N, C-alpha and C. Protein backbone atom coordinates (compact mmCIF):
# COMPACT_ATOMS: atom_id res chain seq x y z
N UNK A 1 55.32 136.59 71.85
CA UNK A 1 54.14 135.53 72.02
C UNK A 1 54.55 134.04 71.76
N UNK A 2 54.12 133.21 72.47
CA UNK A 2 54.44 131.73 72.38
C UNK A 2 53.19 131.10 71.81
N UNK A 3 53.96 130.21 70.70
CA UNK A 3 52.86 129.17 70.09
C UNK A 3 53.40 127.70 70.32
N UNK A 4 52.30 126.87 70.50
CA UNK A 4 52.31 125.66 70.39
C UNK A 4 52.15 124.91 69.23
N UNK A 5 53.09 124.05 68.44
CA UNK A 5 52.81 123.84 67.10
C UNK A 5 53.11 122.24 67.11
N UNK A 6 52.00 121.46 66.53
CA UNK A 6 52.03 120.09 66.81
C UNK A 6 52.58 119.54 65.43
N UNK A 7 53.65 118.86 65.56
CA UNK A 7 54.05 117.84 64.30
C UNK A 7 53.79 116.36 64.28
N UNK A 8 52.73 116.12 63.39
CA UNK A 8 52.48 114.68 63.22
C UNK A 8 53.23 114.06 62.32
N UNK A 9 53.94 112.90 62.32
CA UNK A 9 54.60 112.04 61.28
C UNK A 9 54.00 110.72 61.34
N UNK A 10 53.43 110.30 59.95
CA UNK A 10 52.83 109.11 59.57
C UNK A 10 54.06 107.96 59.07
N UNK A 11 54.14 106.91 59.99
CA UNK A 11 55.04 105.70 59.50
C UNK A 11 54.17 104.53 59.34
N UNK A 12 54.12 103.75 58.07
CA UNK A 12 53.33 102.65 57.97
C UNK A 12 54.31 101.38 57.07
N UNK A 13 53.77 100.41 57.23
CA UNK A 13 54.47 99.19 56.28
C UNK A 13 53.32 98.07 56.19
N UNK A 14 53.21 97.65 54.89
CA UNK A 14 52.35 96.39 55.07
C UNK A 14 53.35 95.31 55.34
N UNK A 15 52.51 94.38 56.02
CA UNK A 15 53.18 93.17 56.48
C UNK A 15 52.40 91.85 55.92
N UNK A 16 53.14 91.15 55.17
CA UNK A 16 52.40 89.81 54.73
C UNK A 16 52.43 88.59 55.75
N UNK A 17 51.42 88.13 56.26
CA UNK A 17 51.48 86.90 56.97
C UNK A 17 50.55 85.62 56.26
N UNK A 18 50.83 84.39 56.66
CA UNK A 18 49.91 83.36 56.43
C UNK A 18 48.74 83.13 57.47
N UNK A 19 47.63 83.03 57.06
CA UNK A 19 46.65 82.72 58.06
C UNK A 19 45.20 82.42 57.52
N UNK A 20 44.43 81.85 58.22
CA UNK A 20 43.26 81.28 57.80
C UNK A 20 42.31 82.35 57.24
N UNK A 21 42.28 83.40 58.27
CA UNK A 21 41.09 84.50 58.10
C UNK A 21 41.85 85.85 58.42
N UNK A 22 41.21 87.07 57.96
CA UNK A 22 41.62 88.49 58.23
C UNK A 22 41.78 88.36 59.69
N UNK A 23 40.90 87.83 60.62
CA UNK A 23 41.13 88.27 62.08
C UNK A 23 42.42 87.55 62.58
N UNK A 24 42.74 86.60 62.26
CA UNK A 24 43.72 85.67 62.44
C UNK A 24 45.01 86.25 62.05
N UNK A 25 44.99 86.93 60.82
CA UNK A 25 46.26 87.71 60.36
C UNK A 25 46.79 88.82 61.23
N UNK A 26 45.37 89.58 61.53
CA UNK A 26 45.40 90.84 62.18
C UNK A 26 46.04 90.51 63.81
N UNK A 27 45.83 89.57 64.20
CA UNK A 27 46.03 89.17 65.54
C UNK A 27 47.77 88.94 65.43
N UNK A 28 48.17 88.05 64.44
CA UNK A 28 49.75 87.60 64.31
C UNK A 28 50.42 88.86 64.13
N UNK A 29 49.98 89.98 63.20
CA UNK A 29 50.82 91.14 62.97
C UNK A 29 50.70 91.81 64.39
N UNK A 30 49.67 92.21 65.18
CA UNK A 30 49.39 92.65 66.55
C UNK A 30 50.63 92.12 67.27
N UNK A 31 50.68 90.76 67.33
CA UNK A 31 51.61 90.13 68.28
C UNK A 31 52.98 90.29 67.77
N UNK A 32 53.38 90.18 66.81
CA UNK A 32 54.57 90.42 66.10
C UNK A 32 55.02 92.03 66.54
N UNK A 33 54.11 92.69 66.26
CA UNK A 33 54.33 94.47 66.74
C UNK A 33 54.66 94.56 68.09
N UNK A 34 53.85 93.63 69.03
CA UNK A 34 54.22 93.70 70.39
C UNK A 34 55.61 93.30 70.93
N UNK A 35 55.76 92.14 70.14
CA UNK A 35 57.28 91.31 70.55
C UNK A 35 58.31 92.33 69.79
N UNK A 36 57.92 93.35 69.13
CA UNK A 36 58.98 93.99 68.60
C UNK A 36 59.54 93.40 67.35
N UNK A 37 59.01 92.60 66.68
CA UNK A 37 59.52 91.94 65.59
C UNK A 37 59.32 93.02 64.20
N UNK A 38 58.32 93.73 64.48
CA UNK A 38 58.01 94.84 63.48
C UNK A 38 58.47 96.03 64.35
N UNK A 39 59.51 96.61 63.64
CA UNK A 39 59.69 98.19 64.38
C UNK A 39 59.89 99.17 63.14
N UNK A 40 58.68 100.13 63.03
CA UNK A 40 58.96 101.11 62.04
C UNK A 40 60.15 101.96 62.29
N UNK A 41 60.83 102.47 61.12
CA UNK A 41 61.65 103.40 61.17
C UNK A 41 61.64 104.58 60.04
N UNK A 42 62.61 105.24 59.76
CA UNK A 42 62.50 106.17 58.83
C UNK A 42 62.23 105.80 57.52
N UNK A 43 62.55 104.66 57.23
CA UNK A 43 62.30 103.99 55.92
C UNK A 43 60.72 103.70 55.70
N UNK A 44 60.13 103.81 56.58
CA UNK A 44 58.54 103.78 56.51
C UNK A 44 57.93 104.85 56.63
N UNK A 45 58.44 106.08 56.50
CA UNK A 45 57.95 107.31 56.32
C UNK A 45 56.99 107.62 55.46
N UNK A 46 55.70 108.20 55.60
CA UNK A 46 54.82 108.33 54.60
C UNK A 46 54.48 109.67 54.68
N UNK A 47 54.51 110.81 55.64
CA UNK A 47 54.25 111.93 55.52
C UNK A 47 54.20 112.68 56.88
N UNK A 48 54.08 113.89 56.78
CA UNK A 48 53.89 114.83 58.19
C UNK A 48 52.88 116.02 57.86
N UNK A 49 52.34 116.20 59.10
CA UNK A 49 51.14 117.41 59.06
C UNK A 49 51.98 118.27 60.33
N UNK A 50 51.82 119.67 59.88
CA UNK A 50 52.27 120.43 61.16
C UNK A 50 51.10 121.36 61.27
N UNK A 51 50.71 121.52 62.44
CA UNK A 51 49.34 122.35 62.68
C UNK A 51 49.53 123.16 63.89
C-alpha cells in the first residue's frame, strides 16, 4: 500500500517596529517580509505536525 503523509513545519519570529498604530506596524512588517528583509530559517522553528 502507498500512503500520503503530510509534514507541516511552523516557523515564527517576533519583529519589533516603530509605528503610529498596529495597522501601520503590520504593514511595515509585511513590506519587510515581501522585500525579503525578514527571512525565517531553522532558528525560527517552533514545531511540526505529521499527519
